[in-house]
C-alpha cells in the first residue's frame, strides 16, 4: 500500500464514458426544471380543486403531518447521500463502474 497523496486520482482524467461538464450541467438543470414543473402542477391542482383549503379545514393537524413528512424525507435523503462513496457524490456520471470492473 502506497501513501502517495494522489494515488487514488490516477484515473481522474476524462474518459470516453464520462460526460462533459456542460452535459452534466444541462442534465442537472433539466432535473431541476422538471422538479419545479411538478411542484407547480401540484400547487395548481390544489388551487383549482380547493384541495388545499379542504385539507386545512377538515384534516386536523395537517400542518404537523406535512412537517413530519418533510423532516423524514430530508433525513432519508441525507442518510442516502452519506452512504454513497466519494466518487459517486462528486462524479455521478461515473457511478460504481468507474475504475474497477466487478
N, C-alpha and C. Protein backbone atom coordinates (compact mmCIF):
# COMPACT_ATOMS: atom_id res chain seq x y z
N UNK A 1 0.84 -1.17 0.00
CA UNK A 1 0.00 0.00 0.00
C UNK A 1 0.89 1.24 0.00
N UNK A 2 0.65 2.08 -0.94
CA UNK A 2 1.42 3.30 -1.07
C UNK A 2 0.71 4.44 -0.35
N UNK A 3 1.49 5.36 0.16
CA UNK A 3 0.90 6.53 0.82
C UNK A 3 1.06 7.79 -0.02
N UNK A 4 1.15 7.61 -1.33
CA UNK A 4 1.25 8.75 -2.23
C UNK A 4 -0.06 9.55 -2.15
N UNK A 5 0.04 10.88 -2.06
CA UNK A 5 -1.18 11.68 -1.86
C UNK A 5 -2.16 11.64 -3.03
N UNK A 6 -1.66 11.39 -4.23
CA UNK A 6 -2.55 11.40 -5.40
C UNK A 6 -2.74 10.01 -5.99
N UNK A 7 -2.54 8.98 -5.18
CA UNK A 7 -2.63 7.62 -5.68
C UNK A 7 -4.03 7.30 -6.21
N UNK A 8 -5.05 7.77 -5.53
CA UNK A 8 -6.41 7.43 -5.93
C UNK A 8 -6.94 8.30 -7.05
N UNK A 9 -6.19 9.31 -7.46
CA UNK A 9 -6.64 10.21 -8.52
C UNK A 9 -5.97 9.91 -9.85
N UNK A 10 -5.36 8.77 -10.01
CA UNK A 10 -4.68 8.46 -11.26
C UNK A 10 -5.62 8.43 -12.45
N UNK A 11 -6.80 7.91 -12.26
CA UNK A 11 -7.74 7.81 -13.38
C UNK A 11 -8.71 8.98 -13.37
N UNK A 12 -8.31 10.10 -12.84
CA UNK A 12 -9.19 11.26 -12.69
C UNK A 12 -9.45 11.96 -14.01
N UNK A 13 -8.60 11.73 -15.03
CA UNK A 13 -8.79 12.37 -16.32
C UNK A 13 -10.06 11.92 -17.00
N UNK A 14 -10.44 12.64 -18.05
CA UNK A 14 -11.68 12.30 -18.73
C UNK A 14 -11.52 11.02 -19.54
N UNK A 15 -12.51 10.21 -19.46
CA UNK A 15 -12.53 9.00 -20.28
C UNK A 15 -13.65 9.14 -21.30
N UNK A 16 -13.75 8.17 -22.16
CA UNK A 16 -14.77 8.26 -23.20
C UNK A 16 -16.17 8.04 -22.63
N UNK A 17 -16.30 7.37 -21.48
CA UNK A 17 -17.59 7.13 -20.87
C UNK A 17 -18.11 8.34 -20.10
N UNK A 18 -17.23 9.24 -19.71
CA UNK A 18 -17.63 10.36 -18.87
C UNK A 18 -18.20 11.49 -19.70
N UNK A 19 -19.26 12.11 -19.18
CA UNK A 19 -19.86 13.22 -19.91
C UNK A 19 -19.13 14.52 -19.56
N UNK A 20 -19.24 15.48 -20.44
CA UNK A 20 -18.55 16.75 -20.22
C UNK A 20 -19.27 17.53 -19.13
N UNK A 21 -18.62 18.56 -18.64
CA UNK A 21 -19.22 19.38 -17.59
C UNK A 21 -20.46 20.11 -18.11
N UNK A 22 -20.47 20.47 -19.38
CA UNK A 22 -21.64 21.11 -19.97
C UNK A 22 -22.83 20.17 -20.04
N UNK A 23 -22.57 18.91 -20.41
CA UNK A 23 -23.65 17.93 -20.46
C UNK A 23 -24.19 17.64 -19.06
N UNK A 24 -23.29 17.53 -18.10
CA UNK A 24 -23.69 17.28 -16.72
C UNK A 24 -24.52 18.44 -16.18
N UNK A 25 -24.09 19.68 -16.47
CA UNK A 25 -24.83 20.86 -16.00
C UNK A 25 -26.20 20.94 -16.66
N UNK A 26 -26.26 20.66 -17.95
CA UNK A 26 -27.54 20.69 -18.65
C UNK A 26 -28.50 19.64 -18.09
N UNK A 27 -27.99 18.45 -17.81
CA UNK A 27 -28.83 17.40 -17.24
C UNK A 27 -29.31 17.78 -15.83
N UNK A 28 -28.43 18.41 -15.05
CA UNK A 28 -28.80 18.84 -13.71
C UNK A 28 -29.90 19.89 -13.77
N UNK A 29 -29.76 20.88 -14.66
CA UNK A 29 -30.78 21.91 -14.78
C UNK A 29 -32.09 21.34 -15.32
N UNK A 30 -32.02 20.32 -16.17
CA UNK A 30 -33.23 19.68 -16.66
C UNK A 30 -33.99 19.03 -15.51
N UNK A 31 -33.28 18.32 -14.62
CA UNK A 31 -33.94 17.72 -13.46
C UNK A 31 -34.53 18.79 -12.54
N UNK A 32 -33.83 19.90 -12.39
CA UNK A 32 -34.35 20.98 -11.55
C UNK A 32 -35.62 21.58 -12.15
N UNK A 33 -35.64 21.78 -13.46
CA UNK A 33 -36.82 22.34 -14.12
C UNK A 33 -37.99 21.35 -14.02
N UNK A 34 -37.72 20.07 -14.20
CA UNK A 34 -38.79 19.07 -14.06
C UNK A 34 -39.35 19.06 -12.64
N UNK A 35 -38.48 19.20 -11.64
CA UNK A 35 -38.95 19.27 -10.26
C UNK A 35 -39.81 20.49 -10.01
N UNK A 36 -39.42 21.62 -10.58
CA UNK A 36 -40.23 22.83 -10.43
C UNK A 36 -41.57 22.70 -11.15
N UNK A 37 -41.58 22.05 -12.31
CA UNK A 37 -42.84 21.84 -13.02
C UNK A 37 -43.79 20.92 -12.24
N UNK A 38 -43.25 19.89 -11.62
CA UNK A 38 -44.08 19.02 -10.79
C UNK A 38 -44.64 19.79 -9.61
N UNK A 39 -43.80 20.60 -8.97
CA UNK A 39 -44.25 21.41 -7.84
C UNK A 39 -45.34 22.38 -8.28
N UNK A 40 -45.15 23.03 -9.42
CA UNK A 40 -46.15 23.96 -9.94
C UNK A 40 -47.45 23.23 -10.27
N UNK A 41 -47.36 22.06 -10.87
CA UNK A 41 -48.55 21.30 -11.22
C UNK A 41 -49.35 20.88 -10.00
N UNK A 42 -48.67 20.44 -8.96
CA UNK A 42 -49.36 20.04 -7.74
C UNK A 42 -49.99 21.25 -7.06
N UNK A 43 -49.29 22.38 -7.04
CA UNK A 43 -49.86 23.59 -6.45
C UNK A 43 -51.06 24.08 -7.24
N UNK A 44 -50.98 24.04 -8.55
CA UNK A 44 -52.10 24.45 -9.40
C UNK A 44 -53.30 23.53 -9.20
N UNK A 45 -53.05 22.24 -9.12
CA UNK A 45 -54.13 21.28 -8.88
C UNK A 45 -54.80 21.54 -7.52
N UNK A 46 -53.99 21.82 -6.51
CA UNK A 46 -54.56 22.13 -5.20
C UNK A 46 -55.36 23.42 -5.20
N UNK A 47 -54.93 24.39 -5.99
CA UNK A 47 -55.65 25.67 -6.05
C UNK A 47 -56.95 25.54 -6.84
N UNK A 48 -56.91 24.84 -7.97
CA UNK A 48 -58.09 24.72 -8.82
C UNK A 48 -59.18 23.89 -8.15
N UNK A 49 -58.78 22.83 -7.48
CA UNK A 49 -59.77 21.94 -6.86
C UNK A 49 -60.08 22.31 -5.41
N UNK A 50 -59.44 23.33 -4.89
CA UNK A 50 -59.58 23.74 -3.48
C UNK A 50 -59.20 22.62 -2.52
N UNK A 51 -58.36 21.72 -2.94
CA UNK A 51 -57.92 20.62 -2.08
C UNK A 51 -57.11 21.14 -0.90
N UNK A 52 -56.37 22.21 -1.10
CA UNK A 52 -55.59 22.78 -0.01
C UNK A 52 -56.50 23.33 1.08
N UNK A 53 -57.51 24.07 0.68
CA UNK A 53 -58.45 24.61 1.68
C UNK A 53 -59.22 23.49 2.37
N UNK A 54 -59.60 22.48 1.61
CA UNK A 54 -60.30 21.34 2.20
C UNK A 54 -59.41 20.65 3.24
N UNK A 55 -58.14 20.42 2.89
CA UNK A 55 -57.23 19.75 3.81
C UNK A 55 -57.01 20.59 5.07
N UNK A 56 -56.87 21.91 4.91
CA UNK A 56 -56.67 22.77 6.08
C UNK A 56 -57.91 22.83 6.97
N UNK A 57 -59.10 22.75 6.35
CA UNK A 57 -60.33 22.88 7.13
C UNK A 57 -60.78 21.56 7.76
N UNK A 58 -60.58 20.45 7.07
CA UNK A 58 -61.18 19.20 7.52
C UNK A 58 -60.20 18.13 7.99
N UNK A 59 -58.92 18.32 7.79
CA UNK A 59 -57.93 17.36 8.27
C UNK A 59 -57.20 18.00 9.45
N UNK A 60 -57.49 17.52 10.65
CA UNK A 60 -56.83 18.13 11.80
C UNK A 60 -55.32 17.86 11.79
N UNK A 61 -54.58 18.84 12.18
CA UNK A 61 -53.11 18.74 12.29
C UNK A 61 -52.42 18.45 10.96
N UNK A 62 -52.98 18.91 9.87
CA UNK A 62 -52.34 18.68 8.56
C UNK A 62 -50.96 19.35 8.49
N UNK A 63 -50.83 20.49 9.16
CA UNK A 63 -49.54 21.18 9.13
C UNK A 63 -48.47 20.36 9.85
N UNK A 64 -48.83 19.65 10.91
CA UNK A 64 -47.84 18.80 11.58
C UNK A 64 -47.51 17.56 10.75
N UNK A 65 -48.51 17.03 10.07
CA UNK A 65 -48.27 15.87 9.21
C UNK A 65 -47.30 16.22 8.08
N UNK A 66 -47.51 17.37 7.47
CA UNK A 66 -46.62 17.81 6.39
C UNK A 66 -45.23 18.11 6.93
N UNK A 67 -45.15 18.71 8.11
CA UNK A 67 -43.85 19.00 8.73
C UNK A 67 -43.08 17.71 9.00
N UNK A 68 -43.73 16.72 9.56
CA UNK A 68 -43.06 15.45 9.86
C UNK A 68 -42.64 14.74 8.58
N UNK A 69 -43.50 14.77 7.56
CA UNK A 69 -43.15 14.14 6.29
C UNK A 69 -41.92 14.81 5.66
N UNK A 70 -41.85 16.14 5.75
CA UNK A 70 -40.70 16.86 5.21
C UNK A 70 -39.42 16.51 5.95
N UNK A 71 -39.50 16.42 7.27
CA UNK A 71 -38.31 16.08 8.06
C UNK A 71 -37.86 14.65 7.76
N UNK A 72 -38.80 13.72 7.66
CA UNK A 72 -38.44 12.33 7.35
C UNK A 72 -37.80 12.24 5.97
N UNK A 73 -38.35 12.97 4.99
CA UNK A 73 -37.78 12.97 3.65
C UNK A 73 -36.36 13.52 3.65
N UNK A 74 -36.12 14.61 4.36
CA UNK A 74 -34.78 15.19 4.36
C UNK A 74 -33.78 14.30 5.10
N UNK A 75 -34.18 13.67 6.20
CA UNK A 75 -33.28 12.77 6.91
C UNK A 75 -32.96 11.55 6.03
N UNK A 76 -33.94 11.04 5.31
CA UNK A 76 -33.71 9.91 4.42
C UNK A 76 -32.73 10.28 3.31
N UNK A 77 -32.91 11.46 2.73
CA UNK A 77 -32.02 11.88 1.65
C UNK A 77 -30.59 12.08 2.16
N UNK A 78 -30.43 12.66 3.34
CA UNK A 78 -29.10 12.87 3.90
C UNK A 78 -28.42 11.54 4.17
N UNK A 79 -29.15 10.58 4.73
CA UNK A 79 -28.52 9.29 5.01
C UNK A 79 -28.14 8.56 3.73
N UNK A 80 -28.95 8.68 2.69
CA UNK A 80 -28.60 8.04 1.42
C UNK A 80 -27.38 8.69 0.79
N UNK A 81 -27.28 10.02 0.88
CA UNK A 81 -26.11 10.71 0.32
C UNK A 81 -24.86 10.35 1.09
N UNK A 82 -24.96 10.24 2.42
CA UNK A 82 -23.79 9.88 3.21
C UNK A 82 -23.34 8.45 2.97
N UNK A 83 -24.24 7.56 2.57
CA UNK A 83 -23.86 6.18 2.28
C UNK A 83 -23.16 6.04 0.94
N UNK A 84 -23.30 7.03 0.06
CA UNK A 84 -22.63 6.97 -1.24
C UNK A 84 -21.13 7.08 -1.05
N UNK A 85 -20.41 6.52 -1.98
CA UNK A 85 -18.96 6.71 -1.95
C UNK A 85 -18.64 8.13 -2.40
N UNK A 86 -17.42 8.53 -2.14
CA UNK A 86 -17.00 9.89 -2.51
C UNK A 86 -17.11 10.09 -4.01
N UNK A 87 -16.73 9.09 -4.79
CA UNK A 87 -16.73 9.23 -6.24
C UNK A 87 -18.16 9.35 -6.78
N UNK A 88 -19.13 8.66 -6.20
CA UNK A 88 -20.50 8.78 -6.66
C UNK A 88 -21.06 10.16 -6.34
N UNK A 89 -20.64 10.74 -5.22
CA UNK A 89 -21.14 12.07 -4.88
C UNK A 89 -20.55 13.14 -5.78
N UNK A 90 -19.29 13.00 -6.14
CA UNK A 90 -18.64 14.04 -6.93
C UNK A 90 -18.74 13.79 -8.43
N UNK A 91 -18.85 12.53 -8.85
CA UNK A 91 -18.93 12.19 -10.26
C UNK A 91 -20.07 11.20 -10.49
N UNK A 92 -21.33 11.64 -10.41
CA UNK A 92 -22.43 10.69 -10.54
C UNK A 92 -22.51 10.03 -11.91
N UNK A 93 -21.92 10.62 -12.92
CA UNK A 93 -21.98 10.02 -14.25
C UNK A 93 -21.13 8.75 -14.30
N UNK A 94 -20.12 8.69 -13.47
CA UNK A 94 -19.23 7.54 -13.50
C UNK A 94 -19.81 6.37 -12.73
N UNK A 95 -20.49 6.63 -11.66
CA UNK A 95 -21.17 5.58 -10.91
C UNK A 95 -20.23 4.57 -10.30
N UNK A 96 -20.73 3.35 -10.11
CA UNK A 96 -19.96 2.31 -9.45
C UNK A 96 -18.89 1.72 -10.34
N UNK A 97 -19.14 1.69 -11.63
CA UNK A 97 -18.22 1.01 -12.54
C UNK A 97 -17.18 1.97 -13.11
N UNK A 98 -16.76 2.95 -12.32
CA UNK A 98 -15.89 3.99 -12.85
C UNK A 98 -14.49 3.49 -13.15
N UNK A 99 -13.88 2.77 -12.25
CA UNK A 99 -12.49 2.46 -12.50
C UNK A 99 -12.14 1.00 -12.27
N UNK A 100 -12.95 0.27 -11.53
CA UNK A 100 -12.64 -1.14 -11.27
C UNK A 100 -13.78 -2.01 -11.77
N UNK A 101 -13.52 -2.88 -12.73
CA UNK A 101 -14.57 -3.78 -13.18
C UNK A 101 -14.90 -4.78 -12.06
N UNK A 102 -16.18 -5.08 -11.92
CA UNK A 102 -16.58 -6.01 -10.85
C UNK A 102 -17.19 -7.25 -11.42
